[in-house]
Amino acid sequence: MLGPHVVGQRVVVRRLVRGETGPTGGPALTDLLGTCLSWADGACVVQPEDGPAVSIALADIVSGKPVPPRPSPRLRVTPGEAQRRALALFPDLEPEPLGEWLLRHSPASTARRANSVLAFGPAGVEDAFDRVVAWYAARTGRPIAAVPADSDEDAYFRGRGWVAESNDADTLFQLAGVAQARRGLRGVDVPEDAAYDEVDSLLTVRLGERASGVAAYADDWVGFRGIHVEPVHRRQGLGLAVMAALLEWGAERGATTAYLQVLGDNAPAIAMYERLGFVTHHAYRYLAPVTSA
């Protein structure tokens, strides 16, 4: 499974260690994981993920194979951690832990992300459900749960009679590298009438009355919400212009990861974000008790 065709690929190579004996008295073997830099002149050169490149004589290779690329560090973040990072978009949020869940309420925002229990994983609290209902009854009057799509938490709330909170599709939490997203915006100019309103780590950009968007920066992540273009001004590149302004602001503060959330059936927005390198990290949905007619 190894040969010149694996140059440039991530591989694992099992090789002999000359001059050493293995635990059973036979030849010593070791595995090396890294990217194959070359396969020529009787040797395979592998660049490990840490340390200098290693040249392995082809005669010493016992076995090996290509392996999938290492996932980007940002994609190895758990859905729950990604969601908690996104709380920066609502600086007035009043969160309260409930075991491993997080009760969220914003006095200033009606967004579901700011007024729902973040139920990603087991709560670890026996009376979690009753406490969720009581907590929101005292604040918003109607509890809402944000749960991973088709998860145990989804089944937990549905088993207690909760249903989809609206007819919306699942929400997609998407991530991209800031550098990659900015490359996708090359050639996109921010209009001269762009207005910037920055408060602490939150920025609102407005292009007159035509388009607007909000960004938040925290812990080298920059997130976006409320990217909106008035219907009469759509298909003029204004959404990309807003993203360009917000991304530049985040990059200036040292952000390396960008995130946003979009409804799964919003094809035009998803296409725009894919152009910038955003990929779906996880999908989730909102559940709520059945309301009376």
C-alpha atoms as a PDB file:
ATOM      1  CA  MET A   1       0.000   0.000   0.000  1.00  0.00           C
ATOM      2  CA  LEU A   2       3.076   2.231  -0.043  1.00  0.00           C
ATOM      3  CA  GLY A   3       5.057   3.481  -3.004  1.00  0.00           C
ATOM      4  CA  PRO A   4       5.763   6.635  -4.994  1.00  0.00           C
ATOM      5  CA  HIS A   5       2.013   7.266  -5.233  1.00  0.00           C
ATOM      6  CA  VAL A   6       1.847   8.223  -1.516  1.00  0.00           C
ATOM      7  CA  VAL A   7       4.152  11.239  -1.833  1.00  0.00           C
ATOM      8  CA  GLY A   8       2.305  14.203  -0.380  1.00  0.00           C
ATOM      9  CA  GLN A   9      -0.063  11.983   1.604  1.00  0.00           C
ATOM     10  CA  ARG A  10      -0.290  11.279   5.312  1.00  0.00           C
ATOM     11  CA  VAL A  11       0.995   7.742   5.994  1.00  0.00           C
ATOM     12  CA  VAL A  12       1.847   5.393   8.804  1.00  0.00           C
ATOM     13  CA  VAL A  13       4.996   3.322   8.276  1.00  0.00           C
ATOM     14  CA  ARG A  14       6.105   0.304  10.337  1.00  0.00           C
ATOM     15  CA  ARG A  15       9.861  -0.138  10.105  1.00  0.00           C
ATOM     16  CA  LEU A  16      12.764  -2.116  11.526  1.00  0.00           C
ATOM     17  CA  VAL A  17      14.974  -0.459  14.098  1.00  0.00           C
ATOM     18  CA  ARG A  18      18.447  -1.620  13.226  1.00  0.00           C
ATOM     19  CA  GLY A  19      20.625  -2.754  16.117  1.00  0.00           C
ATOM     20  CA  GLU A  20      17.742  -3.128  18.573  1.00  0.00           C
ATOM     21  CA  THR A  21      15.811  -6.171  19.818  1.00  0.00           C
ATOM     22  CA  GLY A  22      12.081  -6.283  20.372  1.00  0.00           C
ATOM     23  CA  PRO A  23      10.297  -7.424  23.579  1.00  0.00           C
ATOM     24  CA  THR A  24      10.018 -11.019  22.346  1.00  0.00           C
ATOM     25  CA  GLY A  25      13.658 -11.244  21.280  1.00  0.00           C
ATOM     26  CA  GLY A  26      12.987 -10.616  17.605  1.00  0.00           C
ATOM     27  CA  PRO A  27      13.716  -7.503  15.569  1.00  0.00           C
ATOM     28  CA  ALA A  28      12.540  -4.223  17.068  1.00  0.00           C
ATOM     29  CA  LEU A  29       9.791  -2.450  15.161  1.00  0.00           C
ATOM     30  CA  THR A  30       8.395   1.046  15.417  1.00  0.00           C
ATOM     31  CA  ASP A  31       5.645   3.023  13.704  1.00  0.00           C
ATOM     32  CA  LEU A  32       6.038   6.482  12.222  1.00  0.00           C
ATOM     33  CA  LEU A  33       3.096   8.732  11.369  1.00  0.00           C
ATOM     34  CA  GLY A  34       3.555  11.729   9.105  1.00  0.00           C
ATOM     35  CA  THR A  35       3.502  13.077   5.574  1.00  0.00           C
ATOM     36  CA  CYS A  36       5.526  11.287   2.886  1.00  0.00           C
ATOM     37  CA  LEU A  37       7.858  13.881   1.373  1.00  0.00           C
ATOM     38  CA  SER A  38       9.619  11.636  -1.144  1.00  0.00           C
ATOM     39  CA  TRP A  39      10.002   8.064  -2.342  1.00  0.00           C
ATOM     40  CA  ALA A  40      13.250   7.777  -4.281  1.00  0.00           C
ATOM     41  CA  ASP A  41      16.841   6.576  -4.172  1.00  0.00           C
ATOM     42  CA  GLY A  42      15.917   3.589  -2.025  1.00  0.00           C
ATOM     43  CA  ALA A  43      14.352   5.598   0.775  1.00  0.00           C
ATOM     44  CA  CYS A  44      11.013   6.967   1.954  1.00  0.00           C
ATOM     45  CA  VAL A  45      11.245  10.344   3.674  1.00  0.00           C
ATOM     46  CA  VAL A  46       8.489  11.054   6.199  1.00  0.00           C
ATOM     47  CA  GLN A  47       7.803  14.341   7.941  1.00  0.00           C
ATOM     48  CA  PRO A  48       6.294  13.599  11.388  1.00  0.00           C
ATOM     49  CA  GLU A  49       3.787  16.003  12.872  1.00  0.00           C
ATOM     50  CA  ASP A  50       6.495  16.950  15.376  1.00  0.00           C
ATOM     51  CA  GLY A  51      10.252  16.934  14.858  1.00  0.00           C
ATOM     52  CA  PRO A  52      12.568  16.641  11.835  1.00  0.00           C
ATOM     53  CA  ALA A  53      11.953  14.553   8.720  1.00  0.00           C
ATOM     54  CA  VAL A  54      12.989  10.885   8.884  1.00  0.00           C
ATOM     55  CA  SER A  55      14.563   8.954   6.001  1.00  0.00           C
ATOM     56  CA  ILE A  56      13.608   5.271   6.042  1.00  0.00           C
ATOM     57  CA  ALA A  57      15.444   2.731   3.877  1.00  0.00           C
ATOM     58  CA  LEU A  58      12.899   0.869   1.759  1.00  0.00           C
ATOM     59  CA  ALA A  59      14.505  -2.400   2.920  1.00  0.00           C
ATOM     60  CA  ASP A  60      13.537  -1.535   6.501  1.00  0.00           C
ATOM     61  CA  ILE A  61       9.847  -0.967   5.785  1.00  0.00           C
ATOM     62  CA  VAL A  62       7.733  -3.846   7.116  1.00  0.00           C
ATOM     63  CA  SER A  63       4.310  -2.428   6.277  1.00  0.00           C
ATOM     64  CA  GLY A  64       2.416   0.812   5.948  1.00  0.00           C
ATOM     65  CA  LYS A  65      -0.562   2.552   4.437  1.00  0.00           C
ATOM     66  CA  PRO A  66      -2.012   5.979   3.714  1.00  0.00           C
ATOM     67  CA  VAL A  67      -4.222   7.389   6.461  1.00  0.00           C
ATOM     68  CA  PRO A  68      -6.789  10.208   6.405  1.00  0.00           C
ATOM     69  CA  PRO A  69      -5.513  13.767   6.858  1.00  0.00           C
ATOM     70  CA  ARG A  70      -5.375  14.962  10.422  1.00  0.00           C
ATOM     71  CA  PRO A  71      -8.531  16.914  11.225  1.00  0.00           C
ATOM     72  CA  SER A  72      -8.088  20.630  11.665  1.00  0.00           C
ATOM     73  CA  PRO A  73      -7.719  21.521  15.377  1.00  0.00           C
ATOM     74  CA  ARG A  74     -10.814  23.684  15.128  1.00  0.00           C
ATOM     75  CA  LEU A  75     -12.851  20.692  13.930  1.00  0.00           C
ATOM     76  CA  ARG A  76     -11.707  18.654  16.939  1.00  0.00           C
ATOM     77  CA  VAL A  77     -13.527  21.040  19.272  1.00  0.00           C
ATOM     78  CA  THR A  78     -16.641  19.346  20.671  1.00  0.00           C
ATOM     79  CA  PRO A  79     -20.065  20.710  19.682  1.00  0.00           C
ATOM     80  CA  GLY A  80     -20.678  21.729  23.282  1.00  0.00           C
ATOM     81  CA  GLU A  81     -17.444  23.717  23.481  1.00  0.00           C
ATOM     82  CA  ALA A  82     -18.122  25.375  20.126  1.00  0.00           C
ATOM     83  CA  GLN A  83     -21.570  26.413  21.348  1.00  0.00           C
ATOM     84  CA  ARG A  84     -20.143  27.875  24.544  1.00  0.00           C
ATOM     85  CA  ARG A  85     -17.580  29.870  22.597  1.00  0.00           C
ATOM     86  CA  ALA A  86     -20.423  31.347  20.563  1.00  0.00           C
ATOM     87  CA  LEU A  87     -21.939  32.878  23.706  1.00  0.00           C
ATOM     88  CA  ALA A  88     -19.603  35.819  23.053  1.00  0.00           C
ATOM     89  CA  LEU A  89     -22.134  37.036  20.490  1.00  0.00           C
ATOM     90  CA  PHE A  90     -24.522  37.884  23.334  1.00  0.00           C
ATOM     91  CA  PRO A  91     -22.479  39.838  25.894  1.00  0.00           C
ATOM     92  CA  ASP A  92     -25.507  40.596  28.096  1.00  0.00           C
ATOM     93  CA  LEU A  93     -26.296  36.898  28.478  1.00  0.00           C
ATOM     94  CA  GLU A  94     -27.298  35.645  31.932  1.00  0.00           C
ATOM     95  CA  PRO A  95     -26.120  32.001  31.927  1.00  0.00           C
ATOM     96  CA  GLU A  96     -26.607  29.551  34.765  1.00  0.00           C
ATOM     97  CA  PRO A  97     -25.118  26.038  34.824  1.00  0.00           C
ATOM     98  CA  LEU A  98     -27.481  23.118  35.326  1.00  0.00           C
ATOM     99  CA  GLY A  99     -25.137  20.199  35.735  1.00  0.00           C
ATOM    100  CA  GLU A 100     -23.502  19.903  32.307  1.00  0.00           C
ATOM    101  CA  TRP A 101     -26.284  21.898  30.664  1.00  0.00           C
ATOM    102  CA  LEU A 102     -26.396  25.683  30.463  1.00  0.00           C
ATOM    103  CA  LEU A 103     -29.495  27.771  31.045  1.00  0.00           C
ATOM    104  CA  ARG A 104     -29.347  30.938  28.922  1.00  0.00           C
ATOM    105  CA  HIS A 105     -31.369  34.137  29.051  1.00  0.00           C
ATOM    106  CA  SER A 106     -30.769  37.536  27.488  1.00  0.00           C
ATOM    107  CA  PRO A 107     -32.761  40.576  28.670  1.00  0.00           C
ATOM    108  CA  ALA A 108     -32.013  42.362  25.389  1.00  0.00           C
ATOM    109  CA  SER A 109     -32.272  39.663  22.728  1.00  0.00           C
ATOM    110  CA  THR A 110     -35.124  37.441  21.595  1.00  0.00           C
ATOM    111  CA  ALA A 111     -32.794  35.084  19.717  1.00  0.00           C
ATOM    112  CA  ARG A 112     -33.318  31.438  20.567  1.00  0.00           C
ATOM    113  CA  ARG A 113     -29.571  30.985  20.990  1.00  0.00           C
ATOM    114  CA  ALA A 114     -29.719  33.446  23.869  1.00  0.00           C
ATOM    115  CA  ASN A 115     -32.936  32.131  25.436  1.00  0.00           C
ATOM    116  CA  SER A 116     -32.716  28.356  25.495  1.00  0.00           C
ATOM    117  CA  VAL A 117     -31.098  25.650  27.541  1.00  0.00           C
ATOM    118  CA  LEU A 118     -27.941  24.369  25.884  1.00  0.00           C
ATOM    119  CA  ALA A 119     -28.432  20.619  26.300  1.00  0.00           C
ATOM    120  CA  PHE A 120     -25.435  19.020  24.652  1.00  0.00           C
ATOM    121  CA  GLY A 121     -24.687  15.746  26.426  1.00  0.00           C
ATOM    122  CA  PRO A 122     -26.164  14.346  29.664  1.00  0.00           C
ATOM    123  CA  ALA A 123     -27.122  16.931  32.256  1.00  0.00           C
ATOM    124  CA  GLY A 124     -25.893  14.813  35.151  1.00  0.00           C
ATOM    125  CA  VAL A 125     -28.729  16.201  37.293  1.00  0.00           C
ATOM    126  CA  GLU A 126     -31.730  14.033  38.165  1.00  0.00           C
ATOM    127  CA  ASP A 127     -34.372  16.773  38.116  1.00  0.00           C
ATOM    128  CA  ALA A 128     -32.901  18.619  35.122  1.00  0.00           C
ATOM    129  CA  PHE A 129     -36.118  18.651  33.110  1.00  0.00           C
ATOM    130  CA  ASP A 130     -38.279  20.117  35.875  1.00  0.00           C
ATOM    131  CA  ARG A 131     -35.636  22.718  36.676  1.00  0.00           C
ATOM    132  CA  VAL A 132     -35.453  23.795  33.020  1.00  0.00           C
ATOM    133  CA  VAL A 133     -39.214  24.305  32.904  1.00  0.00           C
ATOM    134  CA  ALA A 134     -39.267  26.236  36.179  1.00  0.00           C
ATOM    135  CA  TRP A 135     -36.271  28.427  35.272  1.00  0.00           C
ATOM    136  CA  TYR A 136     -37.765  29.623  31.992  1.00  0.00           C
ATOM    137  CA  ALA A 137     -41.250  29.971  33.451  1.00  0.00           C
ATOM    138  CA  ALA A 138     -39.808  32.636  35.747  1.00  0.00           C
ATOM    139  CA  ARG A 139     -38.126  34.502  32.863  1.00  0.00           C
ATOM    140  CA  THR A 140     -39.523  34.002  29.378  1.00  0.00           C
ATOM    141  CA  GLY A 141     -42.643  31.983  30.086  1.00  0.00           C
ATOM    142  CA  ARG A 142     -41.726  29.317  27.543  1.00  0.00           C
ATOM    143  CA  PRO A 143     -38.785  26.937  27.795  1.00  0.00           C
ATOM    144  CA  ILE A 144     -36.776  26.063  24.693  1.00  0.00           C
ATOM    145  CA  ALA A 145     -34.034  23.458  24.414  1.00  0.00           C
ATOM    146  CA  ALA A 146     -31.140  23.503  21.956  1.00  0.00           C
ATOM    147  CA  VAL A 147     -30.114  19.889  21.328  1.00  0.00           C
ATOM    148  CA  PRO A 148     -27.817  18.113  18.836  1.00  0.00           C
ATOM    149  CA  ALA A 149     -29.793  16.713  15.912  1.00  0.00           C
ATOM    150  CA  ASP A 150     -30.976  13.116  16.464  1.00  0.00           C
ATOM    151  CA  SER A 151     -29.138  12.874  19.782  1.00  0.00           C
ATOM    152  CA  ASP A 152     -30.006  11.314  23.131  1.00  0.00           C
ATOM    153  CA  GLU A 153     -30.973  14.798  24.317  1.00  0.00           C
ATOM    154  CA  ASP A 154     -33.289  15.161  21.329  1.00  0.00           C
ATOM    155  CA  ALA A 155     -34.999  11.918  22.362  1.00  0.00           C
ATOM    156  CA  TYR A 156     -35.007  12.995  26.030  1.00  0.00           C
ATOM    157  CA  PHE A 157     -37.090  16.103  25.419  1.00  0.00           C
ATOM    158  CA  ARG A 158     -39.284  14.532  22.739  1.00  0.00           C
ATOM    159  CA  GLY A 159     -40.030  11.729  25.182  1.00  0.00           C
ATOM    160  CA  ARG A 160     -41.522  14.361  27.476  1.00  0.00           C
ATOM    161  CA  GLY A 161     -43.814  15.700  24.796  1.00  0.00           C
ATOM    162  CA  TRP A 162     -41.640  18.429  23.324  1.00  0.00           C
ATOM    163  CA  VAL A 163     -41.664  19.052  19.579  1.00  0.00           C
ATOM    164  CA  ALA A 164     -39.789  21.175  17.054  1.00  0.00           C
ATOM    165  CA  GLU A 165     -39.989  24.785  18.237  1.00  0.00           C
ATOM    166  CA  SER A 166     -40.735  26.020  14.698  1.00  0.00           C
ATOM    167  CA  ASN A 167     -40.850  24.837  11.118  1.00  0.00           C
ATOM    168  CA  ASP A 168     -37.239  25.849  10.614  1.00  0.00           C
ATOM    169  CA  ALA A 169     -34.684  23.361   9.362  1.00  0.00           C
ATOM    170  CA  ASP A 170     -31.872  22.271  11.663  1.00  0.00           C
ATOM    171  CA  THR A 171     -29.279  24.948  12.382  1.00  0.00           C
ATOM    172  CA  LEU A 172     -25.776  24.310  11.048  1.00  0.00           C
ATOM    173  CA  PHE A 173     -22.833  25.469  13.157  1.00  0.00           C
ATOM    174  CA  GLN A 174     -20.072  26.217  10.670  1.00  0.00           C
ATOM    175  CA  LEU A 175     -16.346  26.870  11.079  1.00  0.00           C
ATOM    176  CA  ALA A 176     -13.588  28.205   8.848  1.00  0.00           C
ATOM    177  CA  GLY A 177     -10.033  29.406   9.171  1.00  0.00           C
ATOM    178  CA  VAL A 178      -9.884  33.191   9.201  1.00  0.00           C
ATOM    179  CA  ALA A 179      -7.010  33.227   6.705  1.00  0.00           C
ATOM    180  CA  GLN A 180      -8.896  30.950   4.315  1.00  0.00           C
ATOM    181  CA  ALA A 181     -12.099  32.975   4.598  1.00  0.00           C
ATOM    182  CA  ARG A 182     -10.220  36.206   3.889  1.00  0.00           C
ATOM    183  CA  ARG A 183      -8.655  34.637   0.801  1.00  0.00           C
ATOM    184  CA  GLY A 184     -12.159  33.849  -0.405  1.00  0.00           C
ATOM    185  CA  LEU A 185     -12.992  37.545  -0.077  1.00  0.00           C
ATOM    186  CA  ARG A 186     -10.153  38.850  -2.217  1.00  0.00           C
ATOM    187  CA  GLY A 187     -11.507  41.431  -4.606  1.00  0.00           C
ATOM    188  CA  VAL A 188     -14.487  42.225  -2.380  1.00  0.00           C
ATOM    189  CA  ASP A 189     -14.516  45.911  -1.476  1.00  0.00           C
ATOM    190  CA  VAL A 190     -16.233  47.367   1.572  1.00  0.00           C
ATOM    191  CA  PRO A 191     -18.367  50.390   0.513  1.00  0.00           C
ATOM    192  CA  GLU A 192     -17.158  53.784   1.656  1.00  0.00           C
ATOM    193  CA  ASP A 193     -20.369  54.433   3.571  1.00  0.00           C
ATOM    194  CA  ALA A 194     -19.758  51.451   5.882  1.00  0.00           C
ATOM    195  CA  ALA A 195     -20.424  52.450   9.503  1.00  0.00           C
ATOM    196  CA  TYR A 196     -18.670  50.673  12.369  1.00  0.00           C
ATOM    197  CA  ASP A 197     -20.090  50.533  15.887  1.00  0.00           C
ATOM    198  CA  GLU A 198     -17.669  48.789  18.247  1.00  0.00           C
ATOM    199  CA  VAL A 199     -18.461  48.132  21.895  1.00  0.00           C
ATOM    200  CA  ASP A 200     -15.862  46.101  23.790  1.00  0.00           C
ATOM    201  CA  SER A 201     -15.463  42.844  21.812  1.00  0.00           C
ATOM    202  CA  LEU A 202     -18.601  43.279  19.706  1.00  0.00           C
ATOM    203  CA  LEU A 203     -18.771  45.030  16.327  1.00  0.00           C
ATOM    204  CA  THR A 204     -21.803  46.009  14.268  1.00  0.00           C
ATOM    205  CA  VAL A 205     -21.257  46.955  10.624  1.00  0.00           C
ATOM    206  CA  ARG A 206     -23.943  48.754   8.622  1.00  0.00           C
ATOM    207  CA  LEU A 207     -23.926  49.575   4.929  1.00  0.00           C
ATOM    208  CA  GLY A 208     -26.461  52.349   5.100  1.00  0.00           C
ATOM    209  CA  GLU A 209     -29.911  50.780   5.209  1.00  0.00           C
ATOM    210  CA  ARG A 210     -28.893  48.091   2.735  1.00  0.00           C
ATOM    211  CA  ALA A 211     -27.053  45.470   4.806  1.00  0.00           C
ATOM    212  CA  SER A 212     -25.660  44.819   8.260  1.00  0.00           C
ATOM    213  CA  GLY A 213     -23.992  42.231  10.448  1.00  0.00           C
ATOM    214  CA  VAL A 214     -22.518  41.631  13.900  1.00  0.00           C
ATOM    215  CA  ALA A 215     -19.234  40.045  14.980  1.00  0.00           C
ATOM    216  CA  ALA A 216     -17.810  39.063  18.364  1.00  0.00           C
ATOM    217  CA  TYR A 217     -14.224  38.238  19.259  1.00  0.00           C
ATOM    218  CA  ALA A 218     -13.062  36.046  22.151  1.00  0.00           C
ATOM    219  CA  ASP A 219     -10.166  33.624  22.687  1.00  0.00           C
ATOM    220  CA  ASP A 220      -8.903  33.837  19.076  1.00  0.00           C
ATOM    221  CA  TRP A 221     -12.359  33.008  17.630  1.00  0.00           C
ATOM    222  CA  VAL A 222     -14.505  35.515  15.755  1.00  0.00           C
ATOM    223  CA  GLY A 223     -18.195  34.774  15.273  1.00  0.00           C
ATOM    224  CA  PHE A 224     -20.927  36.325  13.165  1.00  0.00           C
ATOM    225  CA  ARG A 225     -24.659  36.754  13.493  1.00  0.00           C
ATOM    226  CA  GLY A 226     -27.399  38.824  11.941  1.00  0.00           C
ATOM    227  CA  ILE A 227     -25.843  38.979   8.473  1.00  0.00           C
ATOM    228  CA  HIS A 228     -28.736  40.623   6.653  1.00  0.00           C
ATOM    229  CA  VAL A 229     -29.255  42.251   3.270  1.00  0.00           C
ATOM    230  CA  GLU A 230     -32.500  44.028   2.468  1.00  0.00           C
ATOM    231  CA  PRO A 231     -34.367  42.065  -0.239  1.00  0.00           C
ATOM    232  CA  VAL A 232     -34.255  44.907  -2.772  1.00  0.00           C
ATOM    233  CA  HIS A 233     -30.448  45.042  -2.491  1.00  0.00           C
ATOM    234  CA  ARG A 234     -29.677  41.330  -2.689  1.00  0.00           C
ATOM    235  CA  ARG A 235     -27.438  39.773  -5.341  1.00  0.00           C
ATOM    236  CA  GLN A 236     -25.166  42.810  -5.283  1.00  0.00           C
ATOM    237  CA  GLY A 237     -22.400  41.299  -3.156  1.00  0.00           C
ATOM    238  CA  LEU A 238     -23.366  43.249  -0.055  1.00  0.00           C
ATOM    239  CA  GLY A 239     -23.428  40.158   2.157  1.00  0.00           C
ATOM    240  CA  LEU A 240     -19.829  39.443   1.169  1.00  0.00           C
ATOM    241  CA  ALA A 241     -18.915  43.070   1.816  1.00  0.00           C
ATOM    242  CA  VAL A 242     -20.304  42.844   5.345  1.00  0.00           C
ATOM    243  CA  MET A 243     -18.406  39.603   5.914  1.00  0.00           C
ATOM    244  CA  ALA A 244     -15.204  41.209   4.597  1.00  0.00           C
ATOM    245  CA  ALA A 245     -15.499  44.083   7.070  1.00  0.00           C
ATOM    246  CA  LEU A 246     -16.270  41.790  10.013  1.00  0.00           C
ATOM    247  CA  LEU A 247     -13.512  39.297   9.156  1.00  0.00           C
ATOM    248  CA  GLU A 248     -10.930  42.051   8.815  1.00  0.00           C
ATOM    249  CA  TRP A 249     -11.879  43.329  12.260  1.00  0.00           C
ATOM    250  CA  GLY A 250     -11.551  39.841  13.738  1.00  0.00           C
ATOM    251  CA  ALA A 251      -8.199  39.244  12.046  1.00  0.00           C
ATOM    252  CA  GLU A 252      -6.863  42.516  13.429  1.00  0.00           C
ATOM    253  CA  ARG A 253      -7.591  41.182  16.921  1.00  0.00           C
ATOM    254  CA  GLY A 254      -5.757  37.930  16.286  1.00  0.00           C
ATOM    255  CA  ALA A 255      -8.659  35.607  15.456  1.00  0.00           C
ATOM    256  CA  THR A 256      -7.658  32.394  13.690  1.00  0.00           C
ATOM    257  CA  THR A 257     -11.039  30.642  13.650  1.00  0.00           C
ATOM    258  CA  ALA A 258     -14.333  32.009  12.335  1.00  0.00           C
ATOM    259  CA  TYR A 259     -17.773  30.630  13.094  1.00  0.00           C
ATOM    260  CA  LEU A 260     -21.374  31.284  12.188  1.00  0.00           C
ATOM    261  CA  GLN A 261     -24.721  29.551  12.273  1.00  0.00           C
ATOM    262  CA  VAL A 262     -27.128  29.177   9.384  1.00  0.00           C
ATOM    263  CA  LEU A 263     -30.396  27.342   8.804  1.00  0.00           C
ATOM    264  CA  GLY A 264     -29.870  24.151   6.841  1.00  0.00           C
ATOM    265  CA  ASP A 265     -32.405  25.105   4.177  1.00  0.00           C
ATOM    266  CA  ASN A 266     -30.914  28.550   3.478  1.00  0.00           C
ATOM    267  CA  ALA A 267     -29.189  27.476   0.270  1.00  0.00           C
ATOM    268  CA  PRO A 268     -28.023  30.946  -0.888  1.00  0.00           C
ATOM    269  CA  ALA A 269     -26.356  31.713   2.451  1.00  0.00           C
ATOM    270  CA  ILE A 270     -24.763  28.268   2.674  1.00  0.00           C
ATOM    271  CA  ALA A 271     -23.356  28.677  -0.842  1.00  0.00           C
ATOM    272  CA  MET A 272     -21.877  32.048   0.106  1.00  0.00           C
ATOM    273  CA  TYR A 273     -20.266  30.662   3.244  1.00  0.00           C
ATOM    274  CA  GLU A 274     -18.916  27.608   1.425  1.00  0.00           C
ATOM    275  CA  ARG A 275     -17.189  29.989  -0.967  1.00  0.00           C
ATOM    276  CA  LEU A 276     -15.331  31.348   2.060  1.00  0.00           C
ATOM    277  CA  GLY A 277     -14.320  27.901   3.289  1.00  0.00           C
ATOM    278  CA  PHE A 278     -16.925  27.348   5.992  1.00  0.00           C
ATOM    279  CA  VAL A 279     -17.798  23.715   6.715  1.00  0.00           C
ATOM    280  CA  THR A 280     -20.469  22.297   8.996  1.00  0.00           C
ATOM    281  CA  HIS A 281     -19.119  21.321  12.399  1.00  0.00           C
ATOM    282  CA  HIS A 282     -22.432  20.053  13.791  1.00  0.00           C
ATOM    283  CA  ALA A 283     -26.182  20.428  13.385  1.00  0.00           C
ATOM    284  CA  TYR A 284     -28.675  21.128  16.139  1.00  0.00           C
ATOM    285  CA  ARG A 285     -32.336  21.985  16.602  1.00  0.00           C
ATOM    286  CA  TYR A 286     -34.687  23.723  19.000  1.00  0.00           C
ATOM    287  CA  LEU A 287     -37.447  21.896  20.873  1.00  0.00           C
ATOM    288  CA  ALA A 288     -40.236  23.306  23.016  1.00  0.00           C
ATOM    289  CA  PRO A 289     -43.449  22.144  24.693  1.00  0.00           C
ATOM    290  CA  VAL A 290     -46.558  21.951  22.534  1.00  0.00           C
ATOM    291  CA  THR A 291     -48.455  25.219  22.703  1.00  0.00           C
ATOM    292  CA  SER A 292     -52.213  25.272  23.013  1.00  0.00           C
ATOM    293  CA  ALA A 293     -54.199  26.576  20.054  1.00  0.00           C
END
